[in-house]
Amino acid sequence: MSVSRQQWIAYSKLPLFVLLAAPALWLSYQAIFAPQLLGADPAKSLLDQTGIWAIRMILLALAVTPLRILTGQNYLIQYRRMTGLFAFFYATLHFLVYSVLLLELDIAQISIEVTQRPYIVVGFIALLLYIPLAVTSTKGWQRRLKRDWLKLHKLVYLIGILAVLHMTWLKKVGLFDTWPYALLLIVLLGIRIVHHYRQKRLNTVRRTKPIHS
């Protein structure tokens, strides 16, 4: 029995979900059952690892459209929502680890951190910007917002930049540790920009091309 492309996409989403959730499940296992695997400071280790996975998921979400452009496989867009929501999930988890495990839900201290420490301010802004994207990720919101939905979801580019900046600023050695993430972000955004201007130029040529009788 042959399987249609839509059926194949539907079947593939479950293993993709499990794959994307695996880092969180592994970190949860370590935190609950084997904290010794997290090293001398489990809370700091959880903070670092959730942050790294948040960046990776954001870059994965940003990679979906460039991969579609390069391969011509439009079905890849079907995975964008899931990867984007997982990016938001890991970013939220990162913030919760910081607020609960490191700052012990001290609201006064959290307020100081997210308003006065520059690299935390940048990361917190990225998280706040992601909230409307996560809320409006459904097809229902796409129908309601129409073209405004595309405009709103372009915030993901800014979120990616802020997330990499947050990570780079946090590291004492700056770009030495984070340059692969920054480079990948530049490549992904570059592909989108080049494609945008190619499409714009192509549309201009089509509009100006004389019609032969």
N, C-alpha and C. Protein backbone atom coordinates (compact mmCIF):
# COMPACT_ATOMS: atom_id res chain seq x y z
N MET A 1 0.85 -1.19 0.00
CA MET A 1 0.00 0.00 0.00
C MET A 1 0.88 1.24 0.00
N SER A 2 0.68 2.13 -0.96
CA SER A 2 1.50 3.33 -1.06
C SER A 2 1.04 4.36 -0.02
N VAL A 3 1.98 5.17 0.42
CA VAL A 3 1.69 6.20 1.41
C VAL A 3 1.85 7.56 0.74
N SER A 4 0.83 8.40 0.88
CA SER A 4 0.90 9.73 0.27
C SER A 4 1.88 10.60 1.04
N ARG A 5 2.29 11.70 0.41
CA ARG A 5 3.23 12.60 1.06
C ARG A 5 2.65 13.17 2.34
N GLN A 6 1.35 13.52 2.33
CA GLN A 6 0.72 14.07 3.53
C GLN A 6 0.71 13.05 4.66
N GLN A 7 0.46 11.79 4.32
CA GLN A 7 0.49 10.75 5.34
C GLN A 7 1.90 10.56 5.88
N TRP A 8 2.89 10.61 4.97
CA TRP A 8 4.28 10.46 5.40
C TRP A 8 4.69 11.58 6.34
N ILE A 9 4.25 12.81 6.03
CA ILE A 9 4.55 13.95 6.89
C ILE A 9 3.91 13.77 8.25
N ALA A 10 2.65 13.32 8.26
CA ALA A 10 1.95 13.10 9.53
C ALA A 10 2.65 12.03 10.37
N TYR A 11 3.09 10.94 9.72
CA TYR A 11 3.77 9.87 10.45
C TYR A 11 5.13 10.33 10.98
N SER A 12 5.79 11.21 10.23
CA SER A 12 7.14 11.62 10.60
C SER A 12 7.15 12.63 11.75
N LYS A 13 6.02 13.24 12.02
CA LYS A 13 5.99 14.27 13.07
C LYS A 13 6.16 13.68 14.47
N LEU A 14 5.68 12.46 14.69
CA LEU A 14 5.84 11.85 16.01
C LEU A 14 7.30 11.58 16.34
N PRO A 15 8.06 10.89 15.46
CA PRO A 15 9.48 10.71 15.78
C PRO A 15 10.24 12.03 15.88
N LEU A 16 9.85 13.03 15.10
CA LEU A 16 10.49 14.34 15.21
C LEU A 16 10.20 14.96 16.57
N PHE A 17 8.96 14.83 17.03
CA PHE A 17 8.57 15.34 18.35
C PHE A 17 9.42 14.69 19.44
N VAL A 18 9.55 13.37 19.36
CA VAL A 18 10.34 12.64 20.36
C VAL A 18 11.80 13.09 20.32
N LEU A 19 12.33 13.25 19.10
CA LEU A 19 13.72 13.67 18.95
C LEU A 19 13.95 15.06 19.55
N LEU A 20 13.04 15.98 19.30
CA LEU A 20 13.18 17.33 19.82
C LEU A 20 12.97 17.39 21.33
N ALA A 21 12.15 16.50 21.86
CA ALA A 21 11.88 16.47 23.30
C ALA A 21 12.96 15.72 24.08
N ALA A 22 13.76 14.91 23.38
CA ALA A 22 14.75 14.05 24.05
C ALA A 22 15.71 14.81 24.96
N PRO A 23 16.27 15.96 24.53
CA PRO A 23 17.18 16.68 25.44
C PRO A 23 16.52 17.08 26.75
N ALA A 24 15.26 17.55 26.69
CA ALA A 24 14.54 17.95 27.91
C ALA A 24 14.28 16.74 28.80
N LEU A 25 13.94 15.60 28.18
CA LEU A 25 13.70 14.38 28.95
C LEU A 25 14.98 13.91 29.63
N TRP A 26 16.09 13.99 28.92
CA TRP A 26 17.38 13.57 29.48
C TRP A 26 17.81 14.49 30.62
N LEU A 27 17.62 15.79 30.45
CA LEU A 27 17.96 16.74 31.50
C LEU A 27 17.06 16.54 32.72
N SER A 28 15.78 16.24 32.48
CA SER A 28 14.85 15.98 33.59
C SER A 28 15.26 14.73 34.36
N TYR A 29 15.65 13.69 33.63
CA TYR A 29 16.11 12.47 34.28
C TYR A 29 17.33 12.75 35.17
N GLN A 30 18.28 13.51 34.63
CA GLN A 30 19.49 13.81 35.40
C GLN A 30 19.14 14.63 36.64
N ALA A 31 18.28 15.63 36.47
CA ALA A 31 17.93 16.52 37.58
C ALA A 31 17.22 15.77 38.71
N ILE A 32 16.36 14.80 38.35
CA ILE A 32 15.55 14.11 39.35
C ILE A 32 16.25 12.87 39.91
N PHE A 33 16.85 12.07 39.04
CA PHE A 33 17.37 10.77 39.45
C PHE A 33 18.89 10.68 39.52
N ALA A 34 19.59 11.52 38.79
CA ALA A 34 21.05 11.40 38.75
C ALA A 34 21.72 12.77 38.69
N PRO A 35 21.52 13.62 39.71
CA PRO A 35 22.10 14.96 39.68
C PRO A 35 23.63 14.97 39.62
N GLN A 36 24.24 13.84 40.02
CA GLN A 36 25.71 13.77 39.96
C GLN A 36 26.22 13.87 38.52
N LEU A 37 25.36 13.51 37.56
CA LEU A 37 25.75 13.59 36.15
C LEU A 37 25.86 15.04 35.68
N LEU A 38 25.28 15.95 36.45
CA LEU A 38 25.29 17.36 36.07
C LEU A 38 26.50 18.10 36.63
N GLY A 39 27.34 17.41 37.38
CA GLY A 39 28.54 18.04 37.89
C GLY A 39 28.38 18.63 39.27
N ALA A 40 29.34 19.46 39.66
CA ALA A 40 29.37 20.01 41.01
C ALA A 40 28.25 21.00 41.27
N ASP A 41 27.78 21.67 40.23
CA ASP A 41 26.70 22.67 40.36
C ASP A 41 25.58 22.31 39.39
N PRO A 42 24.67 21.41 39.78
CA PRO A 42 23.61 20.95 38.87
C PRO A 42 22.74 22.08 38.32
N ALA A 43 22.42 23.06 39.16
CA ALA A 43 21.55 24.15 38.70
C ALA A 43 22.23 24.95 37.59
N LYS A 44 23.51 25.24 37.76
CA LYS A 44 24.25 25.99 36.73
C LYS A 44 24.37 25.17 35.45
N SER A 45 24.58 23.85 35.61
CA SER A 45 24.68 22.98 34.45
C SER A 45 23.36 22.93 33.69
N LEU A 46 22.25 22.84 34.42
CA LEU A 46 20.93 22.85 33.78
C LEU A 46 20.68 24.16 33.07
N LEU A 47 21.10 25.26 33.68
CA LEU A 47 20.92 26.57 33.05
C LEU A 47 21.69 26.64 31.74
N ASP A 48 22.94 26.21 31.76
CA ASP A 48 23.77 26.26 30.56
C ASP A 48 23.20 25.37 29.45
N GLN A 49 22.80 24.15 29.83
CA GLN A 49 22.36 23.19 28.82
C GLN A 49 21.00 23.57 28.23
N THR A 50 20.08 24.08 29.05
CA THR A 50 18.79 24.51 28.50
C THR A 50 18.99 25.72 27.58
N GLY A 51 19.95 26.58 27.93
CA GLY A 51 20.24 27.73 27.07
C GLY A 51 20.80 27.31 25.73
N ILE A 52 21.72 26.34 25.75
CA ILE A 52 22.31 25.85 24.51
C ILE A 52 21.25 25.20 23.63
N TRP A 53 20.38 24.41 24.25
CA TRP A 53 19.33 23.76 23.45
C TRP A 53 18.30 24.76 22.93
N ALA A 54 18.07 25.83 23.69
CA ALA A 54 17.16 26.87 23.20
C ALA A 54 17.73 27.51 21.93
N ILE A 55 19.03 27.81 21.95
CA ILE A 55 19.68 28.39 20.76
C ILE A 55 19.62 27.42 19.59
N ARG A 56 19.92 26.16 19.86
CA ARG A 56 19.90 25.15 18.78
C ARG A 56 18.52 25.02 18.17
N MET A 57 17.48 25.05 19.01
CA MET A 57 16.13 24.91 18.49
C MET A 57 15.71 26.14 17.68
N ILE A 58 16.12 27.31 18.14
CA ILE A 58 15.81 28.53 17.39
C ILE A 58 16.46 28.48 16.01
N LEU A 59 17.73 28.06 15.98
CA LEU A 59 18.43 27.95 14.70
C LEU A 59 17.80 26.87 13.81
N LEU A 60 17.34 25.78 14.43
CA LEU A 60 16.67 24.73 13.66
C LEU A 60 15.38 25.27 13.06
N ALA A 61 14.62 26.03 13.85
CA ALA A 61 13.38 26.62 13.33
C ALA A 61 13.68 27.59 12.18
N LEU A 62 14.76 28.37 12.34
CA LEU A 62 15.14 29.31 11.29
C LEU A 62 15.69 28.61 10.05
N ALA A 63 16.12 27.36 10.21
CA ALA A 63 16.71 26.62 9.08
C ALA A 63 15.66 26.01 8.16
N VAL A 64 14.42 25.91 8.61
CA VAL A 64 13.40 25.22 7.81
C VAL A 64 13.19 25.90 6.46
N THR A 65 12.98 27.21 6.47
CA THR A 65 12.73 27.93 5.21
C THR A 65 13.96 27.92 4.30
N PRO A 66 15.17 28.20 4.80
CA PRO A 66 16.34 28.08 3.92
C PRO A 66 16.51 26.70 3.30
N LEU A 67 16.22 25.65 4.07
CA LEU A 67 16.30 24.30 3.52
C LEU A 67 15.27 24.10 2.41
N ARG A 68 14.09 24.68 2.60
CA ARG A 68 13.06 24.60 1.56
C ARG A 68 13.52 25.34 0.31
N ILE A 69 14.14 26.50 0.50
CA ILE A 69 14.62 27.29 -0.63
C ILE A 69 15.71 26.53 -1.40
N LEU A 70 16.66 25.95 -0.66
CA LEU A 70 17.80 25.28 -1.30
C LEU A 70 17.42 23.97 -1.97
N THR A 71 16.46 23.25 -1.38
CA THR A 71 16.10 21.93 -1.90
C THR A 71 14.89 21.96 -2.82
N GLY A 72 14.08 23.02 -2.71
CA GLY A 72 12.85 23.07 -3.49
C GLY A 72 11.76 22.16 -2.94
N GLN A 73 11.97 21.60 -1.75
CA GLN A 73 10.99 20.70 -1.14
C GLN A 73 10.05 21.50 -0.24
N ASN A 74 8.93 21.90 -0.77
CA ASN A 74 8.01 22.77 -0.03
C ASN A 74 7.38 22.09 1.19
N TYR A 75 7.37 20.76 1.21
CA TYR A 75 6.75 20.06 2.33
C TYR A 75 7.49 20.30 3.64
N LEU A 76 8.75 20.74 3.56
CA LEU A 76 9.54 20.97 4.77
C LEU A 76 8.90 22.03 5.67
N ILE A 77 8.12 22.92 5.05
CA ILE A 77 7.48 23.98 5.82
C ILE A 77 6.52 23.41 6.86
N GLN A 78 6.09 22.16 6.65
CA GLN A 78 5.17 21.51 7.59
C GLN A 78 5.80 21.30 8.96
N TYR A 79 7.13 21.36 9.04
CA TYR A 79 7.82 21.12 10.31
C TYR A 79 8.19 22.42 11.04
N ARG A 80 7.89 23.54 10.42
CA ARG A 80 8.33 24.82 11.00
C ARG A 80 7.64 25.12 12.32
N ARG A 81 6.35 24.85 12.40
CA ARG A 81 5.61 25.17 13.62
C ARG A 81 6.13 24.37 14.82
N MET A 82 6.36 23.07 14.61
CA MET A 82 6.83 22.23 15.72
C MET A 82 8.20 22.67 16.21
N THR A 83 9.11 22.91 15.27
CA THR A 83 10.45 23.32 15.68
C THR A 83 10.42 24.68 16.37
N GLY A 84 9.57 25.58 15.87
CA GLY A 84 9.45 26.89 16.50
C GLY A 84 8.90 26.82 17.91
N LEU A 85 7.90 25.96 18.13
CA LEU A 85 7.33 25.81 19.47
C LEU A 85 8.32 25.15 20.42
N PHE A 86 9.12 24.24 19.92
CA PHE A 86 10.14 23.64 20.78
C PHE A 86 11.21 24.67 21.15
N ALA A 87 11.52 25.58 20.24
CA ALA A 87 12.47 26.65 20.55
C ALA A 87 11.93 27.50 21.70
N PHE A 88 10.64 27.83 21.64
CA PHE A 88 10.01 28.60 22.71
C PHE A 88 10.00 27.79 24.01
N PHE A 89 9.74 26.50 23.92
CA PHE A 89 9.71 25.63 25.09
C PHE A 89 11.07 25.62 25.80
N TYR A 90 12.14 25.45 25.05
CA TYR A 90 13.47 25.40 25.66
C TYR A 90 13.89 26.77 26.20
N ALA A 91 13.50 27.85 25.52
CA ALA A 91 13.80 29.19 26.02
C ALA A 91 13.07 29.44 27.33
N THR A 92 11.81 29.02 27.40
CA THR A 92 11.03 29.15 28.64
C THR A 92 11.62 28.31 29.74
N LEU A 93 12.03 27.09 29.42
CA LEU A 93 12.65 26.20 30.40
C LEU A 93 13.94 26.82 30.93
N HIS A 94 14.71 27.43 30.05
CA HIS A 94 15.95 28.11 30.43
C HIS A 94 15.66 29.21 31.44
N PHE A 95 14.63 30.02 31.17
CA PHE A 95 14.27 31.10 32.08
C PHE A 95 13.75 30.56 33.41
N LEU A 96 12.99 29.48 33.37
CA LEU A 96 12.46 28.89 34.61
C LEU A 96 13.58 28.33 35.48
N VAL A 97 14.55 27.67 34.86
CA VAL A 97 15.70 27.15 35.62
C VAL A 97 16.42 28.31 36.30
N TYR A 98 16.60 29.40 35.57
CA TYR A 98 17.28 30.57 36.12
C TYR A 98 16.48 31.18 37.28
N SER A 99 15.17 31.32 37.10
CA SER A 99 14.31 31.98 38.09
C SER A 99 14.09 31.12 39.33
N VAL A 100 13.87 29.82 39.11
CA VAL A 100 13.50 28.92 40.21
C VAL A 100 14.72 28.34 40.92
N LEU A 101 15.64 27.78 40.15
CA LEU A 101 16.76 27.07 40.77
C LEU A 101 17.90 28.00 41.20
N LEU A 102 18.16 29.03 40.42
CA LEU A 102 19.26 29.93 40.78
C LEU A 102 18.81 31.10 41.66
N LEU A 103 17.67 31.71 41.31
CA LEU A 103 17.20 32.87 42.07
C LEU A 103 16.11 32.52 43.08
N GLU A 104 15.70 31.25 43.10
CA GLU A 104 14.72 30.74 44.07
C GLU A 104 13.44 31.58 44.10
N LEU A 105 13.00 31.99 42.92
CA LEU A 105 11.76 32.77 42.74
C LEU A 105 11.73 34.04 43.59
N ASP A 106 12.89 34.63 43.78
CA ASP A 106 12.97 35.92 44.46
C ASP A 106 12.57 37.00 43.45
N ILE A 107 11.31 37.44 43.54
CA ILE A 107 10.76 38.36 42.55
C ILE A 107 11.56 39.65 42.47
N ALA A 108 11.97 40.17 43.60
CA ALA A 108 12.75 41.41 43.61
C ALA A 108 14.06 41.23 42.86
N GLN A 109 14.74 40.11 43.13
CA GLN A 109 16.02 39.85 42.47
C GLN A 109 15.84 39.59 40.98
N ILE A 110 14.77 38.85 40.64
CA ILE A 110 14.49 38.58 39.23
C ILE A 110 14.26 39.90 38.49
N SER A 111 13.50 40.83 39.10
CA SER A 111 13.23 42.12 38.49
C SER A 111 14.51 42.90 38.24
N ILE A 112 15.43 42.84 39.19
CA ILE A 112 16.72 43.52 39.03
C ILE A 112 17.51 42.89 37.88
N GLU A 113 17.53 41.55 37.85
CA GLU A 113 18.30 40.84 36.84
C GLU A 113 17.82 41.15 35.42
N VAL A 114 16.50 41.13 35.23
CA VAL A 114 15.96 41.28 33.86
C VAL A 114 15.87 42.73 33.41
N THR A 115 16.25 43.66 34.29
CA THR A 115 16.20 45.07 33.90
C THR A 115 17.56 45.76 33.97
N GLN A 116 18.52 45.15 34.66
CA GLN A 116 19.79 45.84 34.88
C GLN A 116 21.02 45.10 34.36
N ARG A 117 20.92 43.81 34.13
CA ARG A 117 22.07 43.07 33.61
C ARG A 117 21.90 42.92 32.10
N PRO A 118 22.73 43.61 31.32
CA PRO A 118 22.50 43.72 29.87
C PRO A 118 22.28 42.40 29.15
N TYR A 119 23.12 41.36 29.40
CA TYR A 119 22.95 40.12 28.65
C TYR A 119 21.67 39.40 29.02
N ILE A 120 21.21 39.60 30.27
CA ILE A 120 19.94 39.00 30.68
C ILE A 120 18.78 39.79 30.08
N VAL A 121 18.92 41.10 30.02
CA VAL A 121 17.89 41.94 29.39
C VAL A 121 17.66 41.50 27.95
N VAL A 122 18.76 41.28 27.22
CA VAL A 122 18.67 40.86 25.81
C VAL A 122 17.96 39.51 25.70
N GLY A 123 18.33 38.55 26.55
CA GLY A 123 17.69 37.24 26.51
C GLY A 123 16.22 37.30 26.89
N PHE A 124 15.90 38.14 27.89
CA PHE A 124 14.51 38.26 28.34
C PHE A 124 13.65 38.91 27.26
N ILE A 125 14.19 39.89 26.55
CA ILE A 125 13.45 40.52 25.46
C ILE A 125 13.15 39.48 24.37
N ALA A 126 14.16 38.64 24.06
CA ALA A 126 13.95 37.58 23.06
C ALA A 126 12.82 36.65 23.48
N LEU A 127 12.77 36.28 24.77
CA LEU A 127 11.71 35.41 25.27
C LEU A 127 10.35 36.09 25.18
N LEU A 128 10.28 37.36 25.55
CA LEU A 128 9.01 38.09 25.48
C LEU A 128 8.52 38.20 24.04
N LEU A 129 9.43 38.43 23.11
CA LEU A 129 9.05 38.54 21.70
C LEU A 129 8.53 37.22 21.16
N TYR A 130 8.98 36.13 21.76
CA TYR A 130 8.56 34.81 21.28
C TYR A 130 7.14 34.46 21.70
N ILE A 131 6.65 35.08 22.75
CA ILE A 131 5.32 34.74 23.28
C ILE A 131 4.22 34.94 22.23
N PRO A 132 4.12 36.11 21.58
CA PRO A 132 3.06 36.26 20.57
C PRO A 132 3.21 35.31 19.39
N LEU A 133 4.44 34.92 19.08
CA LEU A 133 4.65 33.97 17.99
C LEU A 133 4.12 32.59 18.36
N ALA A 134 4.37 32.18 19.61
CA ALA A 134 3.88 30.88 20.07
C ALA A 134 2.35 30.87 20.14
N VAL A 135 1.77 31.96 20.65
CA VAL A 135 0.31 32.05 20.80
C VAL A 135 -0.38 32.01 19.44
N THR A 136 0.20 32.68 18.44
CA THR A 136 -0.44 32.81 17.13
C THR A 136 0.08 31.79 16.11
N SER A 137 0.65 30.70 16.59
CA SER A 137 1.25 29.72 15.67
C SER A 137 0.23 28.80 15.01
N THR A 138 -1.02 28.84 15.45
CA THR A 138 -2.03 27.93 14.92
C THR A 138 -2.58 28.42 13.58
N LYS A 139 -3.20 27.51 12.84
CA LYS A 139 -3.81 27.87 11.56
C LYS A 139 -4.97 28.85 11.74
N GLY A 140 -5.65 28.73 12.88
CA GLY A 140 -6.74 29.66 13.17
C GLY A 140 -6.26 31.10 13.23
N TRP A 141 -5.13 31.30 13.90
CA TRP A 141 -4.55 32.65 13.98
C TRP A 141 -4.03 33.09 12.61
N GLN A 142 -3.52 32.16 11.82
CA GLN A 142 -3.07 32.52 10.47
C GLN A 142 -4.24 33.08 9.66
N ARG A 143 -5.40 32.43 9.78
CA ARG A 143 -6.58 32.89 9.05
C ARG A 143 -7.05 34.25 9.55
N ARG A 144 -7.00 34.45 10.88
CA ARG A 144 -7.46 35.72 11.45
C ARG A 144 -6.55 36.88 11.07
N LEU A 145 -5.25 36.67 11.17
CA LEU A 145 -4.29 37.76 10.95
C LEU A 145 -3.93 37.97 9.49
N LYS A 146 -4.09 36.90 8.67
CA LYS A 146 -3.79 36.96 7.23
C LYS A 146 -2.36 37.47 7.00
N ARG A 147 -2.20 38.55 6.25
CA ARG A 147 -0.85 39.03 5.93
C ARG A 147 -0.11 39.53 7.16
N ASP A 148 -0.86 40.02 8.15
CA ASP A 148 -0.22 40.49 9.38
C ASP A 148 0.47 39.35 10.12
N TRP A 149 -0.01 38.12 9.89
CA TRP A 149 0.62 36.97 10.54
C TRP A 149 2.07 36.82 10.06
N LEU A 150 2.28 36.97 8.76
CA LEU A 150 3.64 36.88 8.22
C LEU A 150 4.53 37.98 8.77
N LYS A 151 3.99 39.19 8.87
CA LYS A 151 4.75 40.31 9.41
C LYS A 151 5.13 40.05 10.86
N LEU A 152 4.17 39.56 11.65
CA LEU A 152 4.43 39.28 13.06
C LEU A 152 5.51 38.22 13.22
N HIS A 153 5.43 37.16 12.42
CA HIS A 153 6.35 36.04 12.60
C HIS A 153 7.74 36.31 12.03
N LYS A 154 7.91 37.46 11.39
CA LYS A 154 9.26 37.85 11.01
C LYS A 154 10.08 38.27 12.23
N LEU A 155 9.41 38.41 13.37
CA LEU A 155 10.13 38.69 14.62
C LEU A 155 11.11 37.57 14.96
N VAL A 156 10.91 36.39 14.40
CA VAL A 156 11.80 35.27 14.70
C VAL A 156 13.23 35.58 14.29
N TYR A 157 13.42 36.42 13.25
CA TYR A 157 14.77 36.81 12.85
C TYR A 157 15.44 37.60 13.97
N LEU A 158 14.71 38.57 14.51
CA LEU A 158 15.24 39.38 15.61
C LEU A 158 15.48 38.53 16.85
N ILE A 159 14.57 37.59 17.09
CA ILE A 159 14.74 36.70 18.24
C ILE A 159 16.02 35.89 18.11
N GLY A 160 16.27 35.38 16.92
CA GLY A 160 17.50 34.61 16.68
C GLY A 160 18.74 35.45 16.95
N ILE A 161 18.73 36.69 16.47
CA ILE A 161 19.87 37.59 16.68
C ILE A 161 20.06 37.87 18.17
N LEU A 162 18.97 38.18 18.87
CA LEU A 162 19.06 38.48 20.30
C LEU A 162 19.52 37.26 21.10
N ALA A 163 19.06 36.08 20.70
CA ALA A 163 19.43 34.85 21.42
C ALA A 163 20.93 34.58 21.28
N VAL A 164 21.46 34.72 20.08
CA VAL A 164 22.89 34.50 19.87
C VAL A 164 23.70 35.59 20.57
N LEU A 165 23.20 36.83 20.56
CA LEU A 165 23.87 37.91 21.27
C LEU A 165 23.88 37.65 22.77
N HIS A 166 22.76 37.16 23.30
CA HIS A 166 22.67 36.80 24.72
C HIS A 166 23.71 35.75 25.08
N MET A 167 23.80 34.73 24.26
CA MET A 167 24.74 33.65 24.52
C MET A 167 26.19 34.14 24.42
N THR A 168 26.48 34.95 23.42
CA THR A 168 27.83 35.47 23.22
C THR A 168 28.24 36.39 24.35
N TRP A 169 27.32 37.26 24.76
CA TRP A 169 27.58 38.22 25.83
C TRP A 169 27.81 37.49 27.15
N LEU A 170 27.09 36.39 27.35
CA LEU A 170 27.19 35.62 28.59
C LEU A 170 28.55 34.96 28.74
N LYS A 171 29.10 34.45 27.64
CA LYS A 171 30.37 33.74 27.69
C LYS A 171 31.52 34.72 27.91
N LYS A 172 32.38 34.38 28.84
CA LYS A 172 33.51 35.26 29.15
C LYS A 172 34.45 35.41 27.97
N VAL A 173 34.52 34.38 27.14
CA VAL A 173 35.44 34.43 26.00
C VAL A 173 34.78 34.96 24.74
N GLY A 174 33.55 35.45 24.87
CA GLY A 174 32.87 36.04 23.72
C GLY A 174 32.63 35.05 22.60
N LEU A 175 33.00 35.43 21.40
CA LEU A 175 32.72 34.62 20.21
C LEU A 175 33.55 33.35 20.11
N PHE A 176 34.54 33.19 20.98
CA PHE A 176 35.40 32.02 20.88
C PHE A 176 34.59 30.73 20.99
N ASP A 177 33.63 30.70 21.91
CA ASP A 177 32.79 29.51 22.08
C ASP A 177 31.54 29.54 21.22
N THR A 178 31.06 30.71 20.91
CA THR A 178 29.74 30.82 20.28
C THR A 178 29.78 31.12 18.78
N TRP A 179 30.97 31.24 18.20
CA TRP A 179 31.04 31.62 16.79
C TRP A 179 30.32 30.65 15.84
N PRO A 180 30.29 29.33 16.12
CA PRO A 180 29.54 28.46 15.17
C PRO A 180 28.05 28.82 15.11
N TYR A 181 27.48 29.20 16.26
CA TYR A 181 26.07 29.57 16.28
C TYR A 181 25.86 30.90 15.54
N ALA A 182 26.76 31.85 15.78
CA ALA A 182 26.66 33.14 15.10
C ALA A 182 26.84 32.98 13.59
N LEU A 183 27.80 32.14 13.19
CA LEU A 183 28.04 31.91 11.76
C LEU A 183 26.84 31.25 11.11
N LEU A 184 26.27 30.25 11.77
CA LEU A 184 25.10 29.57 11.21
C LEU A 184 23.93 30.54 11.08
N LEU A 185 23.74 31.40 12.07
CA LEU A 185 22.67 32.38 12.00
C LEU A 185 22.87 33.32 10.81
N ILE A 186 24.09 33.77 10.61
CA ILE A 186 24.40 34.66 9.48
C ILE A 186 24.10 33.96 8.15
N VAL A 187 24.49 32.69 8.05
CA VAL A 187 24.25 31.93 6.81
C VAL A 187 22.75 31.78 6.55
N LEU A 188 22.00 31.42 7.60
CA LEU A 188 20.55 31.22 7.44
C LEU A 188 19.84 32.51 7.04
N LEU A 189 20.21 33.60 7.70
CA LEU A 189 19.60 34.89 7.35
C LEU A 189 20.05 35.35 5.97
N GLY A 190 21.30 35.05 5.62
CA GLY A 190 21.81 35.41 4.31
C GLY A 190 21.06 34.72 3.19
N ILE A 191 20.75 33.45 3.37
CA ILE A 191 19.99 32.70 2.36
C ILE A 191 18.61 33.33 2.16
N ARG A 192 17.98 33.69 3.26
CA ARG A 192 16.66 34.31 3.17
C ARG A 192 16.72 35.66 2.45
N ILE A 193 17.73 36.47 2.79
CA ILE A 193 17.86 37.80 2.18
C ILE A 193 18.11 37.68 0.67
N VAL A 194 19.04 36.80 0.29
CA VAL A 194 19.34 36.60 -1.14
C VAL A 194 18.10 36.12 -1.88
N HIS A 195 17.38 35.17 -1.30
CA HIS A 195 16.16 34.65 -1.94
C HIS A 195 15.12 35.75 -2.08
N HIS A 196 14.98 36.57 -1.05
CA HIS A 196 13.99 37.65 -1.07
C HIS A 196 14.27 38.60 -2.24
N TYR A 197 15.52 39.00 -2.39
CA TYR A 197 15.85 39.96 -3.44
C TYR A 197 15.81 39.33 -4.83
N ARG A 198 16.12 38.04 -4.91
CA ARG A 198 15.97 37.34 -6.19
C ARG A 198 14.51 37.29 -6.62
N GLN A 199 13.64 36.98 -5.67
CA GLN A 199 12.21 36.93 -5.97
C GLN A 199 11.68 38.31 -6.34
N LYS A 200 12.18 39.32 -5.64
CA LYS A 200 11.74 40.69 -5.92
C LYS A 200 12.18 41.10 -7.32
N ARG A 201 13.41 40.76 -7.70
CA ARG A 201 13.93 41.09 -9.02
C ARG A 201 13.18 40.32 -10.10
N LEU A 202 12.88 39.04 -9.83
CA LEU A 202 12.15 38.23 -10.79
C LEU A 202 10.75 38.78 -11.02
N ASN A 203 10.09 39.21 -9.94
CA ASN A 203 8.75 39.78 -10.07
C ASN A 203 8.78 41.09 -10.86
N THR A 204 9.85 41.86 -10.65
CA THR A 204 10.00 43.11 -11.39
C THR A 204 10.17 42.84 -12.88
N VAL A 205 10.98 41.84 -13.21
CA VAL A 205 11.20 41.47 -14.61
C VAL A 205 9.90 41.00 -15.25
N ARG A 206 9.13 40.22 -14.51
CA ARG A 206 7.86 39.72 -15.05
C ARG A 206 6.88 40.85 -15.31
N ARG A 207 6.87 41.84 -14.43
CA ARG A 207 5.93 42.96 -14.60
C ARG A 207 6.32 43.85 -15.78
N THR A 208 7.64 43.98 -16.01
CA THR A 208 8.12 44.88 -17.07
C THR A 208 8.30 44.20 -18.41
N LYS A 209 8.21 42.87 -18.43
CA LYS A 209 8.41 42.12 -19.69
C LYS A 209 7.27 42.42 -20.65
N PRO A 210 7.60 42.83 -21.89
CA PRO A 210 6.53 43.15 -22.85
C PRO A 210 5.73 41.91 -23.25
N ILE A 211 4.46 42.12 -23.45
CA ILE A 211 3.58 41.03 -23.88
C ILE A 211 3.51 41.01 -25.39
N HIS A 212 3.93 39.91 -26.01
CA HIS A 212 3.92 39.80 -27.46
C HIS A 212 2.56 39.31 -27.95
N SER A 213 2.09 39.95 -28.96
CA SER A 213 0.78 39.54 -29.52
C SER A 213 0.97 38.39 -30.47
